[in-house]
């Protein structure tokens, strides 16, 4: 994943990112650093194809997603990227399990074995089996965050983009989630770009 001279402006011309260049190595966990309001979430949104840069180049897995159509970006994201943003993007009336399965349905890997994988991922991020059928709206913020992480992983993405994925978790569950990400990174070769708010966590889990 690489980007060159990336710029992004709001509709009124207000600059959010200016001439940002960087590279994320394959099979590594990389931390995205910067003060509050510096554009970290905007950069992740551009890399996910949810926004389009005003200028600059952006290549993911050899494809120039900046010049794709909206439909092409959506398909590319579903096939290759797992995205975790602070809003969670869960459907409130669906159960935790069904939210994860919905992501599987719209991805590229198909539904075969998805139910078992979804349940396994929920357990790996420490969401007890008793909560798998509970509506997302009835879960705590921390539990919703863990569902969002499982949802991002269900399609076995090549790259995961995560915006403060442990910000809503207590220390024990934050450690469990980061341990799970590191394990999947090692076992499946998952490339991770993550915005974390503590350097201690970054030092413990990130390669760069």
N, C-alpha and C. Protein backbone atom coordinates (compact mmCIF):
# COMPACT_ATOMS: atom_id res chain seq x y z
N UNK A 1 0.86 -1.18 0.00
CA UNK A 1 0.00 0.00 0.00
C UNK A 1 0.89 1.23 0.00
N UNK A 2 0.70 2.13 -0.98
CA UNK A 2 1.52 3.33 -1.04
C UNK A 2 0.71 4.51 -1.53
N UNK A 3 1.13 5.69 -1.13
CA UNK A 3 0.46 6.92 -1.56
C UNK A 3 1.51 8.00 -1.72
N UNK A 4 1.31 8.84 -2.75
CA UNK A 4 2.28 9.85 -3.09
C UNK A 4 1.60 11.21 -3.25
N UNK A 5 2.12 12.20 -2.53
CA UNK A 5 1.64 13.59 -2.65
C UNK A 5 0.12 13.67 -2.53
N UNK A 6 -0.42 12.91 -1.60
CA UNK A 6 -1.87 12.80 -1.44
C UNK A 6 -2.43 14.08 -0.82
N UNK A 7 -3.48 14.63 -1.43
CA UNK A 7 -4.13 15.84 -0.93
C UNK A 7 -5.64 15.60 -0.84
N UNK A 8 -6.24 16.24 0.14
CA UNK A 8 -7.70 16.16 0.27
C UNK A 8 -8.22 17.48 0.81
N UNK A 9 -9.23 18.01 0.12
CA UNK A 9 -9.86 19.26 0.52
C UNK A 9 -11.36 19.05 0.69
N UNK A 10 -11.94 19.80 1.60
CA UNK A 10 -13.39 19.81 1.73
C UNK A 10 -14.01 20.54 0.54
N UNK A 11 -15.32 20.46 0.44
CA UNK A 11 -16.00 21.09 -0.68
C UNK A 11 -15.77 22.58 -0.79
N UNK A 12 -15.52 23.23 0.36
CA UNK A 12 -15.28 24.67 0.35
C UNK A 12 -13.81 25.02 0.14
N UNK A 13 -12.99 24.00 -0.14
CA UNK A 13 -11.58 24.25 -0.39
C UNK A 13 -10.69 24.18 0.82
N UNK A 14 -11.25 23.89 1.99
CA UNK A 14 -10.44 23.78 3.21
C UNK A 14 -9.53 22.56 3.11
N UNK A 15 -8.21 22.74 3.21
CA UNK A 15 -7.29 21.60 3.11
C UNK A 15 -7.29 20.76 4.38
N UNK A 16 -7.40 19.44 4.22
CA UNK A 16 -7.33 18.51 5.35
C UNK A 16 -6.01 17.74 5.31
N UNK A 17 -5.62 17.29 4.12
CA UNK A 17 -4.33 16.63 3.92
C UNK A 17 -3.60 17.34 2.78
N UNK A 18 -2.30 17.52 2.94
CA UNK A 18 -1.52 18.19 1.91
C UNK A 18 -0.22 17.43 1.67
N UNK A 19 -0.05 16.91 0.45
CA UNK A 19 1.20 16.30 0.02
C UNK A 19 1.69 15.22 0.99
N UNK A 20 0.82 14.28 1.31
CA UNK A 20 1.17 13.18 2.21
C UNK A 20 1.70 12.01 1.40
N UNK A 21 2.87 11.53 1.76
CA UNK A 21 3.49 10.41 1.06
C UNK A 21 3.87 9.34 2.08
N UNK A 22 3.59 8.09 1.76
CA UNK A 22 3.94 7.01 2.69
C UNK A 22 3.78 5.65 2.06
N UNK A 23 4.23 4.64 2.80
CA UNK A 23 4.15 3.27 2.33
C UNK A 23 3.91 2.35 3.51
N UNK A 24 3.04 1.38 3.34
CA UNK A 24 2.77 0.38 4.36
C UNK A 24 3.25 -0.97 3.84
N UNK A 25 4.17 -1.57 4.56
CA UNK A 25 4.75 -2.84 4.11
C UNK A 25 3.77 -3.99 4.30
N UNK A 26 3.84 -4.93 3.38
CA UNK A 26 2.99 -6.13 3.46
C UNK A 26 3.34 -6.96 4.68
N UNK A 27 2.32 -7.59 5.25
CA UNK A 27 2.47 -8.53 6.36
C UNK A 27 2.97 -7.88 7.65
N UNK A 28 2.88 -6.56 7.74
CA UNK A 28 3.33 -5.84 8.93
C UNK A 28 2.15 -5.14 9.60
N UNK A 29 2.33 -4.82 10.89
CA UNK A 29 1.39 -3.94 11.59
C UNK A 29 2.06 -2.58 11.71
N UNK A 30 1.47 -1.59 11.08
CA UNK A 30 2.02 -0.25 11.06
C UNK A 30 1.10 0.70 11.81
N UNK A 31 1.69 1.53 12.65
CA UNK A 31 0.91 2.50 13.41
C UNK A 31 0.90 3.83 12.68
N UNK A 32 -0.28 4.42 12.57
CA UNK A 32 -0.45 5.76 12.02
C UNK A 32 -0.45 6.75 13.17
N UNK A 33 0.49 7.69 13.13
CA UNK A 33 0.66 8.62 14.25
C UNK A 33 0.35 10.05 13.81
N UNK A 34 -0.07 10.86 14.76
CA UNK A 34 -0.33 12.27 14.50
C UNK A 34 -1.25 12.84 15.55
N UNK A 35 -1.15 14.14 15.82
CA UNK A 35 -2.02 14.75 16.82
C UNK A 35 -3.48 14.76 16.40
N UNK A 36 -4.35 14.97 17.35
CA UNK A 36 -5.78 15.04 17.07
C UNK A 36 -6.06 16.14 16.04
N UNK A 37 -6.85 15.79 15.03
CA UNK A 37 -7.20 16.76 14.01
C UNK A 37 -6.20 16.87 12.88
N UNK A 38 -5.21 15.99 12.85
CA UNK A 38 -4.17 16.08 11.82
C UNK A 38 -4.57 15.39 10.52
N UNK A 39 -5.68 14.65 10.52
CA UNK A 39 -6.16 14.03 9.29
C UNK A 39 -5.97 12.53 9.22
N UNK A 40 -5.70 11.87 10.36
CA UNK A 40 -5.48 10.42 10.35
C UNK A 40 -6.73 9.67 9.86
N UNK A 41 -7.88 10.03 10.38
CA UNK A 41 -9.12 9.36 9.97
C UNK A 41 -9.43 9.63 8.51
N UNK A 42 -9.14 10.84 8.04
CA UNK A 42 -9.35 11.18 6.63
C UNK A 42 -8.44 10.33 5.75
N UNK A 43 -7.19 10.15 6.16
CA UNK A 43 -6.28 9.32 5.39
C UNK A 43 -6.78 7.89 5.31
N UNK A 44 -7.25 7.34 6.42
CA UNK A 44 -7.78 5.97 6.41
C UNK A 44 -9.00 5.87 5.50
N UNK A 45 -9.83 6.90 5.50
CA UNK A 45 -11.01 6.91 4.63
C UNK A 45 -10.61 6.92 3.15
N UNK A 46 -9.55 7.66 2.82
CA UNK A 46 -9.06 7.67 1.44
C UNK A 46 -8.49 6.31 1.06
N UNK A 47 -7.74 5.71 1.96
CA UNK A 47 -7.14 4.41 1.67
C UNK A 47 -8.20 3.32 1.53
N UNK A 48 -9.32 3.49 2.23
CA UNK A 48 -10.42 2.53 2.14
C UNK A 48 -11.28 2.75 0.91
N UNK A 49 -11.03 3.83 0.17
CA UNK A 49 -11.85 4.12 -1.00
C UNK A 49 -13.20 4.70 -0.65
N UNK A 50 -13.36 5.17 0.58
CA UNK A 50 -14.63 5.78 0.99
C UNK A 50 -14.68 7.26 0.61
N UNK A 51 -13.51 7.84 0.40
CA UNK A 51 -13.39 9.21 -0.10
C UNK A 51 -12.39 9.20 -1.25
N UNK A 52 -12.41 10.24 -2.05
CA UNK A 52 -11.53 10.34 -3.20
C UNK A 52 -10.57 11.50 -2.99
N UNK A 53 -9.27 11.29 -3.18
CA UNK A 53 -8.32 12.37 -2.97
C UNK A 53 -8.51 13.50 -3.98
N UNK A 54 -8.20 14.70 -3.54
CA UNK A 54 -8.24 15.85 -4.44
C UNK A 54 -7.10 15.78 -5.45
N UNK A 55 -5.96 15.27 -5.01
CA UNK A 55 -4.80 15.12 -5.87
C UNK A 55 -3.90 14.05 -5.29
N UNK A 56 -2.98 13.55 -6.11
CA UNK A 56 -2.02 12.56 -5.63
C UNK A 56 -2.33 11.16 -6.10
N UNK A 57 -1.39 10.26 -5.87
CA UNK A 57 -1.54 8.88 -6.27
C UNK A 57 -1.78 7.96 -5.09
N UNK A 58 -2.50 6.86 -5.34
CA UNK A 58 -2.85 5.93 -4.27
C UNK A 58 -2.96 4.53 -4.85
N UNK A 59 -2.04 3.66 -4.44
CA UNK A 59 -2.03 2.28 -4.95
C UNK A 59 -2.18 1.29 -3.80
N UNK A 60 -3.09 0.35 -3.99
CA UNK A 60 -3.29 -0.72 -3.02
C UNK A 60 -3.25 -2.04 -3.76
N UNK A 61 -2.34 -2.91 -3.37
CA UNK A 61 -2.18 -4.22 -4.00
C UNK A 61 -1.98 -4.09 -5.51
N UNK A 62 -1.29 -3.00 -5.90
CA UNK A 62 -0.99 -2.78 -7.30
C UNK A 62 -2.07 -2.07 -8.09
N UNK A 63 -3.21 -1.78 -7.47
CA UNK A 63 -4.31 -1.11 -8.16
C UNK A 63 -4.41 0.35 -7.75
N UNK A 64 -4.70 1.20 -8.71
CA UNK A 64 -4.87 2.63 -8.46
C UNK A 64 -6.33 2.89 -8.11
N UNK A 65 -6.65 2.86 -6.82
CA UNK A 65 -8.06 2.97 -6.44
C UNK A 65 -8.57 4.41 -6.55
N UNK A 66 -7.67 5.38 -6.61
CA UNK A 66 -8.09 6.79 -6.71
C UNK A 66 -8.83 7.05 -8.02
N UNK A 67 -8.53 6.26 -9.05
CA UNK A 67 -9.16 6.47 -10.35
C UNK A 67 -10.26 5.46 -10.65
N UNK A 68 -10.66 4.70 -9.64
CA UNK A 68 -11.77 3.77 -9.82
C UNK A 68 -13.11 4.49 -9.66
N UNK A 69 -14.15 3.91 -10.23
CA UNK A 69 -15.50 4.41 -10.00
C UNK A 69 -15.94 4.02 -8.59
N UNK A 70 -17.02 4.60 -8.13
CA UNK A 70 -17.53 4.26 -6.81
C UNK A 70 -17.84 2.77 -6.70
N UNK A 71 -18.47 2.22 -7.72
CA UNK A 71 -18.80 0.79 -7.70
C UNK A 71 -17.54 -0.06 -7.68
N UNK A 72 -16.54 0.33 -8.47
CA UNK A 72 -15.28 -0.43 -8.49
C UNK A 72 -14.58 -0.38 -7.14
N UNK A 73 -14.60 0.78 -6.49
CA UNK A 73 -13.99 0.90 -5.17
C UNK A 73 -14.73 0.04 -4.15
N UNK A 74 -16.05 0.02 -4.24
CA UNK A 74 -16.84 -0.80 -3.31
C UNK A 74 -16.49 -2.28 -3.47
N UNK A 75 -16.37 -2.72 -4.72
CA UNK A 75 -16.03 -4.13 -4.97
C UNK A 75 -14.61 -4.43 -4.49
N UNK A 76 -13.71 -3.52 -4.75
CA UNK A 76 -12.32 -3.71 -4.32
C UNK A 76 -12.24 -3.79 -2.81
N UNK A 77 -12.96 -2.91 -2.12
CA UNK A 77 -12.96 -2.93 -0.65
C UNK A 77 -13.50 -4.25 -0.13
N UNK A 78 -14.62 -4.71 -0.70
CA UNK A 78 -15.22 -5.95 -0.24
C UNK A 78 -14.32 -7.15 -0.45
N UNK A 79 -13.49 -7.11 -1.50
CA UNK A 79 -12.64 -8.24 -1.83
C UNK A 79 -11.33 -8.24 -1.07
N UNK A 80 -10.85 -7.05 -0.66
CA UNK A 80 -9.48 -6.96 -0.17
C UNK A 80 -9.27 -6.29 1.18
N UNK A 81 -10.22 -5.47 1.61
CA UNK A 81 -9.97 -4.63 2.78
C UNK A 81 -10.94 -4.94 3.92
N UNK A 82 -10.41 -4.92 5.14
CA UNK A 82 -11.24 -4.92 6.33
C UNK A 82 -11.12 -3.53 6.96
N UNK A 83 -12.24 -2.90 7.25
CA UNK A 83 -12.22 -1.52 7.72
C UNK A 83 -12.93 -1.41 9.07
N UNK A 84 -12.25 -0.80 10.03
CA UNK A 84 -12.85 -0.55 11.34
C UNK A 84 -12.73 0.94 11.64
N UNK A 85 -13.88 1.62 11.65
CA UNK A 85 -13.88 3.03 12.01
C UNK A 85 -14.59 3.23 13.34
N UNK A 86 -14.42 4.40 13.90
CA UNK A 86 -14.93 4.66 15.24
C UNK A 86 -16.46 4.60 15.30
N UNK A 87 -17.14 4.78 14.17
CA UNK A 87 -18.61 4.76 14.17
C UNK A 87 -19.17 3.34 14.23
N UNK A 88 -18.36 2.32 14.04
CA UNK A 88 -18.73 0.90 14.09
C UNK A 88 -19.53 0.45 12.86
N UNK A 89 -20.51 1.25 12.40
CA UNK A 89 -21.32 0.90 11.22
C UNK A 89 -22.03 -0.43 11.36
N UNK A 90 -22.59 -0.69 12.54
CA UNK A 90 -23.41 -1.88 12.76
C UNK A 90 -24.87 -1.55 12.52
N UNK A 91 -25.64 -2.55 12.07
CA UNK A 91 -27.09 -2.37 11.94
C UNK A 91 -27.71 -2.68 13.29
N UNK A 92 -28.34 -1.70 13.94
CA UNK A 92 -28.71 -1.84 15.35
C UNK A 92 -29.68 -2.96 15.67
N UNK A 93 -30.59 -3.30 14.74
CA UNK A 93 -31.59 -4.32 15.05
C UNK A 93 -31.13 -5.74 14.71
N UNK A 94 -29.98 -5.86 14.04
CA UNK A 94 -29.44 -7.19 13.77
C UNK A 94 -28.59 -7.65 14.95
N UNK A 95 -28.52 -8.96 15.12
CA UNK A 95 -27.69 -9.51 16.20
C UNK A 95 -26.22 -9.30 15.89
N UNK A 96 -25.40 -9.51 16.90
CA UNK A 96 -23.95 -9.41 16.71
C UNK A 96 -23.50 -10.37 15.61
N UNK A 97 -23.98 -11.61 15.68
CA UNK A 97 -23.60 -12.62 14.68
C UNK A 97 -24.07 -12.23 13.29
N UNK A 98 -25.30 -11.75 13.17
CA UNK A 98 -25.84 -11.40 11.86
C UNK A 98 -25.14 -10.18 11.27
N UNK A 99 -24.66 -9.26 12.10
CA UNK A 99 -23.88 -8.14 11.58
C UNK A 99 -22.60 -8.63 10.93
N UNK A 100 -21.96 -9.61 11.55
CA UNK A 100 -20.74 -10.16 10.98
C UNK A 100 -21.05 -10.95 9.71
N UNK A 101 -22.13 -11.72 9.74
CA UNK A 101 -22.53 -12.51 8.57
C UNK A 101 -22.92 -11.61 7.40
N UNK A 102 -23.48 -10.44 7.68
CA UNK A 102 -23.85 -9.52 6.61
C UNK A 102 -22.61 -9.07 5.85
N UNK A 103 -21.52 -8.83 6.58
CA UNK A 103 -20.27 -8.46 5.93
C UNK A 103 -19.77 -9.61 5.05
N UNK A 104 -19.97 -10.83 5.51
CA UNK A 104 -19.56 -11.99 4.71
C UNK A 104 -20.38 -12.08 3.43
N UNK A 105 -21.65 -11.77 3.51
CA UNK A 105 -22.54 -11.87 2.34
C UNK A 105 -22.12 -10.90 1.24
N UNK A 106 -21.65 -9.70 1.64
CA UNK A 106 -21.31 -8.70 0.64
C UNK A 106 -19.85 -8.76 0.24
N UNK A 107 -19.10 -9.68 0.79
CA UNK A 107 -17.70 -9.82 0.42
C UNK A 107 -17.53 -10.77 -0.74
N UNK A 108 -16.28 -11.17 -0.96
CA UNK A 108 -15.98 -11.99 -2.13
C UNK A 108 -15.73 -13.46 -1.81
N UNK A 109 -15.57 -13.78 -0.54
CA UNK A 109 -15.19 -15.15 -0.19
C UNK A 109 -16.37 -16.11 -0.14
N UNK A 110 -17.59 -15.57 -0.24
CA UNK A 110 -18.76 -16.43 -0.22
C UNK A 110 -19.21 -16.77 1.19
N UNK A 111 -20.36 -17.45 1.27
CA UNK A 111 -20.97 -17.72 2.57
C UNK A 111 -20.58 -19.08 3.15
N UNK A 112 -19.93 -19.92 2.37
CA UNK A 112 -19.58 -21.25 2.84
C UNK A 112 -18.66 -21.16 4.06
N UNK A 113 -19.12 -21.72 5.17
CA UNK A 113 -18.34 -21.71 6.39
C UNK A 113 -18.32 -20.40 7.12
N UNK A 114 -19.09 -19.40 6.63
CA UNK A 114 -19.03 -18.06 7.22
C UNK A 114 -19.62 -18.03 8.63
N UNK A 115 -20.67 -18.80 8.87
CA UNK A 115 -21.29 -18.76 10.20
C UNK A 115 -20.31 -19.24 11.27
N UNK A 116 -19.61 -20.32 10.98
CA UNK A 116 -18.65 -20.82 11.95
C UNK A 116 -17.49 -19.83 12.13
N UNK A 117 -17.02 -19.26 11.01
CA UNK A 117 -15.92 -18.29 11.10
C UNK A 117 -16.37 -17.05 11.88
N UNK A 118 -17.60 -16.58 11.63
CA UNK A 118 -18.11 -15.41 12.33
C UNK A 118 -18.17 -15.66 13.83
N UNK A 119 -18.70 -16.82 14.22
CA UNK A 119 -18.78 -17.15 15.64
C UNK A 119 -17.39 -17.27 16.26
N UNK A 120 -16.47 -17.87 15.53
CA UNK A 120 -15.10 -18.02 16.03
C UNK A 120 -14.44 -16.66 16.23
N UNK A 121 -14.64 -15.75 15.27
CA UNK A 121 -14.05 -14.41 15.39
C UNK A 121 -14.64 -13.65 16.58
N UNK A 122 -15.94 -13.77 16.79
CA UNK A 122 -16.56 -13.10 17.93
C UNK A 122 -15.99 -13.62 19.25
N UNK A 123 -15.74 -14.91 19.30
CA UNK A 123 -15.14 -15.48 20.51
C UNK A 123 -13.70 -15.01 20.67
N UNK A 124 -12.98 -14.88 19.56
CA UNK A 124 -11.59 -14.46 19.62
C UNK A 124 -11.44 -13.02 20.13
N UNK A 125 -12.44 -12.18 19.87
CA UNK A 125 -12.40 -10.81 20.38
C UNK A 125 -13.17 -10.70 21.70
N UNK A 126 -13.41 -11.85 22.32
CA UNK A 126 -13.98 -11.92 23.67
C UNK A 126 -15.42 -11.43 23.75
N UNK A 127 -16.23 -11.79 22.75
CA UNK A 127 -17.67 -11.59 22.86
C UNK A 127 -18.28 -12.95 23.15
N UNK A 128 -18.80 -13.16 24.37
CA UNK A 128 -19.29 -14.48 24.77
C UNK A 128 -20.39 -15.00 23.86
N UNK A 129 -20.50 -16.32 23.76
CA UNK A 129 -21.52 -16.95 22.94
C UNK A 129 -22.91 -16.47 23.30
N UNK A 130 -23.15 -16.19 24.58
CA UNK A 130 -24.47 -15.75 25.04
C UNK A 130 -24.89 -14.42 24.43
N UNK A 131 -23.91 -13.65 23.90
CA UNK A 131 -24.22 -12.34 23.32
C UNK A 131 -24.28 -12.36 21.80
N UNK A 132 -24.00 -13.49 21.19
CA UNK A 132 -23.95 -13.54 19.73
C UNK A 132 -25.30 -13.23 19.10
N UNK A 133 -26.39 -13.57 19.76
CA UNK A 133 -27.73 -13.34 19.22
C UNK A 133 -28.37 -12.06 19.75
N UNK A 134 -27.64 -11.30 20.52
CA UNK A 134 -28.19 -10.05 21.06
C UNK A 134 -28.08 -8.94 20.01
N UNK A 135 -29.13 -8.11 19.91
CA UNK A 135 -29.12 -7.00 18.95
C UNK A 135 -27.96 -6.07 19.24
N UNK A 136 -27.37 -5.53 18.19
CA UNK A 136 -26.22 -4.65 18.35
C UNK A 136 -26.56 -3.45 19.24
N UNK A 137 -27.79 -2.95 19.14
CA UNK A 137 -28.19 -1.79 19.93
C UNK A 137 -28.24 -2.09 21.42
N UNK A 138 -28.31 -3.38 21.77
CA UNK A 138 -28.38 -3.77 23.18
C UNK A 138 -27.00 -4.09 23.76
N UNK A 139 -25.97 -3.96 22.94
CA UNK A 139 -24.61 -4.21 23.40
C UNK A 139 -23.97 -2.92 23.92
N UNK A 140 -22.99 -3.07 24.78
CA UNK A 140 -22.25 -1.91 25.25
C UNK A 140 -21.37 -1.37 24.11
N UNK A 141 -20.85 -0.16 24.29
CA UNK A 141 -19.98 0.43 23.28
C UNK A 141 -18.76 -0.47 23.02
N UNK A 142 -18.17 -0.95 24.10
CA UNK A 142 -17.01 -1.83 23.95
C UNK A 142 -17.35 -3.11 23.22
N UNK A 143 -18.53 -3.68 23.50
CA UNK A 143 -18.95 -4.90 22.82
C UNK A 143 -19.21 -4.63 21.34
N UNK A 144 -19.81 -3.49 21.03
CA UNK A 144 -20.04 -3.12 19.63
C UNK A 144 -18.71 -2.97 18.89
N UNK A 145 -17.72 -2.42 19.57
CA UNK A 145 -16.41 -2.27 18.94
C UNK A 145 -15.84 -3.63 18.57
N UNK A 146 -15.99 -4.60 19.46
CA UNK A 146 -15.46 -5.94 19.20
C UNK A 146 -16.21 -6.61 18.05
N UNK A 147 -17.51 -6.38 17.94
CA UNK A 147 -18.28 -6.91 16.81
C UNK A 147 -17.78 -6.28 15.51
N UNK A 148 -17.50 -4.98 15.54
CA UNK A 148 -17.02 -4.29 14.34
C UNK A 148 -15.68 -4.86 13.88
N UNK A 149 -14.83 -5.23 14.82
CA UNK A 149 -13.54 -5.81 14.47
C UNK A 149 -13.73 -7.20 13.85
N UNK A 150 -14.60 -8.02 14.45
CA UNK A 150 -14.89 -9.33 13.88
C UNK A 150 -15.49 -9.19 12.48
N UNK A 151 -16.36 -8.21 12.30
CA UNK A 151 -16.98 -7.94 11.01
C UNK A 151 -15.93 -7.61 9.95
N UNK A 152 -14.91 -6.85 10.34
CA UNK A 152 -13.87 -6.46 9.39
C UNK A 152 -12.99 -7.63 8.99
N UNK A 153 -12.95 -8.67 9.82
CA UNK A 153 -12.05 -9.80 9.58
C UNK A 153 -12.72 -11.00 8.93
N UNK A 154 -14.04 -11.01 8.85
CA UNK A 154 -14.74 -12.23 8.46
C UNK A 154 -14.43 -12.65 7.02
N UNK A 155 -14.12 -11.69 6.15
CA UNK A 155 -13.85 -12.01 4.75
C UNK A 155 -12.39 -12.33 4.48
N UNK A 156 -11.61 -12.49 5.55
CA UNK A 156 -10.18 -12.77 5.40
C UNK A 156 -9.51 -11.75 4.49
N UNK A 157 -9.60 -10.47 4.86
CA UNK A 157 -9.03 -9.42 4.01
C UNK A 157 -7.52 -9.50 3.95
N UNK A 158 -6.95 -8.92 2.91
CA UNK A 158 -5.49 -8.84 2.80
C UNK A 158 -4.94 -7.69 3.63
N UNK A 159 -5.75 -6.63 3.78
CA UNK A 159 -5.32 -5.43 4.51
C UNK A 159 -6.43 -5.01 5.45
N UNK A 160 -6.05 -4.62 6.66
CA UNK A 160 -7.01 -4.08 7.62
C UNK A 160 -6.64 -2.64 7.94
N UNK A 161 -7.62 -1.75 7.84
CA UNK A 161 -7.47 -0.34 8.19
C UNK A 161 -8.31 -0.09 9.43
N UNK A 162 -7.68 0.34 10.50
CA UNK A 162 -8.40 0.45 11.78
C UNK A 162 -8.15 1.80 12.43
N UNK A 163 -9.23 2.51 12.72
CA UNK A 163 -9.16 3.84 13.33
C UNK A 163 -9.47 3.72 14.81
N UNK A 164 -8.42 3.70 15.63
CA UNK A 164 -8.55 3.57 17.08
C UNK A 164 -9.47 2.40 17.47
N UNK A 165 -9.11 1.18 17.06
CA UNK A 165 -10.00 0.03 17.29
C UNK A 165 -10.15 -0.38 18.75
N UNK A 166 -9.28 0.12 19.63
CA UNK A 166 -9.39 -0.28 21.03
C UNK A 166 -9.72 0.90 21.95
N UNK A 167 -10.11 2.03 21.35
CA UNK A 167 -10.35 3.24 22.14
C UNK A 167 -11.50 3.05 23.13
N UNK A 168 -12.48 2.19 22.78
CA UNK A 168 -13.66 2.01 23.63
C UNK A 168 -13.55 0.80 24.55
N UNK A 169 -12.39 0.17 24.59
CA UNK A 169 -12.23 -1.06 25.34
C UNK A 169 -11.46 -0.84 26.63
N UNK A 170 -11.78 -1.64 27.64
CA UNK A 170 -10.99 -1.63 28.87
C UNK A 170 -9.65 -2.29 28.58
N UNK A 171 -8.66 -2.09 29.45
CA UNK A 171 -7.31 -2.60 29.17
C UNK A 171 -7.26 -4.09 28.87
N UNK A 172 -8.04 -4.90 29.61
CA UNK A 172 -7.99 -6.34 29.40
C UNK A 172 -8.49 -6.72 28.00
N UNK A 173 -9.62 -6.12 27.58
CA UNK A 173 -10.15 -6.44 26.27
C UNK A 173 -9.33 -5.80 25.16
N UNK A 174 -8.73 -4.65 25.42
CA UNK A 174 -7.85 -4.03 24.44
C UNK A 174 -6.67 -4.95 24.16
N UNK A 175 -6.10 -5.52 25.22
CA UNK A 175 -4.99 -6.46 25.05
C UNK A 175 -5.42 -7.68 24.27
N UNK A 176 -6.60 -8.21 24.58
CA UNK A 176 -7.11 -9.39 23.89
C UNK A 176 -7.30 -9.12 22.40
N UNK A 177 -7.87 -7.96 22.07
CA UNK A 177 -8.10 -7.62 20.66
C UNK A 177 -6.78 -7.46 19.92
N UNK A 178 -5.82 -6.77 20.53
CA UNK A 178 -4.53 -6.57 19.87
C UNK A 178 -3.79 -7.90 19.75
N UNK A 179 -3.91 -8.76 20.75
CA UNK A 179 -3.32 -10.10 20.65
C UNK A 179 -3.91 -10.86 19.46
N UNK A 180 -5.24 -10.73 19.29
CA UNK A 180 -5.91 -11.42 18.18
C UNK A 180 -5.44 -10.89 16.84
N UNK A 181 -5.31 -9.55 16.73
CA UNK A 181 -4.84 -8.96 15.48
C UNK A 181 -3.42 -9.41 15.16
N UNK A 182 -2.58 -9.45 16.18
CA UNK A 182 -1.21 -9.89 15.97
C UNK A 182 -1.16 -11.36 15.54
N UNK A 183 -2.02 -12.18 16.16
CA UNK A 183 -2.05 -13.60 15.80
C UNK A 183 -2.50 -13.77 14.34
N UNK A 184 -3.56 -13.05 13.94
CA UNK A 184 -4.04 -13.15 12.57
C UNK A 184 -3.01 -12.59 11.60
N UNK A 185 -2.32 -11.52 12.02
CA UNK A 185 -1.24 -10.96 11.22
C UNK A 185 -0.16 -12.01 10.95
N UNK A 186 0.20 -12.74 11.97
CA UNK A 186 1.26 -13.74 11.83
C UNK A 186 0.78 -14.97 11.06
N UNK A 187 -0.43 -15.45 11.36
CA UNK A 187 -0.90 -16.70 10.77
C UNK A 187 -1.39 -16.53 9.34
N UNK A 188 -2.07 -15.41 9.06
CA UNK A 188 -2.70 -15.21 7.76
C UNK A 188 -1.98 -14.18 6.89
N UNK A 189 -0.93 -13.55 7.42
CA UNK A 189 -0.24 -12.53 6.65
C UNK A 189 -1.04 -11.25 6.49
N UNK A 190 -1.92 -10.96 7.45
CA UNK A 190 -2.75 -9.76 7.39
C UNK A 190 -1.89 -8.51 7.57
N UNK A 191 -1.99 -7.59 6.61
CA UNK A 191 -1.33 -6.29 6.72
C UNK A 191 -2.27 -5.34 7.45
N UNK A 192 -1.75 -4.63 8.45
CA UNK A 192 -2.59 -3.78 9.29
C UNK A 192 -2.02 -2.36 9.33
N UNK A 193 -2.87 -1.37 9.07
CA UNK A 193 -2.55 0.03 9.32
C UNK A 193 -3.53 0.51 10.38
N UNK A 194 -3.01 0.90 11.53
CA UNK A 194 -3.88 1.18 12.67
C UNK A 194 -3.53 2.52 13.31
N UNK A 195 -4.55 3.26 13.64
CA UNK A 195 -4.41 4.50 14.39
C UNK A 195 -4.63 4.17 15.86
N UNK A 196 -3.57 4.26 16.65
CA UNK A 196 -3.66 3.98 18.08
C UNK A 196 -3.39 5.26 18.87
N UNK A 197 -3.94 5.31 20.07
CA UNK A 197 -3.78 6.54 20.86
C UNK A 197 -2.77 6.39 21.99
N UNK A 198 -2.13 5.23 22.09
CA UNK A 198 -1.12 5.06 23.13
C UNK A 198 0.15 4.48 22.53
N UNK A 199 1.28 5.11 22.82
CA UNK A 199 2.56 4.64 22.31
C UNK A 199 2.96 3.30 22.91
N UNK A 200 2.58 3.05 24.16
CA UNK A 200 2.91 1.77 24.78
C UNK A 200 2.32 0.61 23.98
N UNK A 201 1.05 0.76 23.55
CA UNK A 201 0.41 -0.28 22.76
C UNK A 201 1.13 -0.43 21.42
N UNK A 202 1.48 0.69 20.83
CA UNK A 202 2.18 0.65 19.54
C UNK A 202 3.51 -0.08 19.67
N UNK A 203 4.25 0.23 20.70
CA UNK A 203 5.55 -0.43 20.90
C UNK A 203 5.40 -1.93 21.10
N UNK A 204 4.29 -2.34 21.73
CA UNK A 204 4.09 -3.76 22.02
C UNK A 204 3.65 -4.56 20.80
N UNK A 205 2.95 -3.91 19.87
CA UNK A 205 2.31 -4.66 18.79
C UNK A 205 2.71 -4.26 17.38
N UNK A 206 3.21 -3.07 17.19
CA UNK A 206 3.43 -2.58 15.83
C UNK A 206 4.87 -2.79 15.38
N UNK A 207 5.04 -3.12 14.09
CA UNK A 207 6.35 -3.31 13.51
C UNK A 207 6.99 -1.98 13.12
N UNK A 208 6.15 -1.01 12.85
CA UNK A 208 6.66 0.29 12.43
C UNK A 208 5.75 1.38 12.95
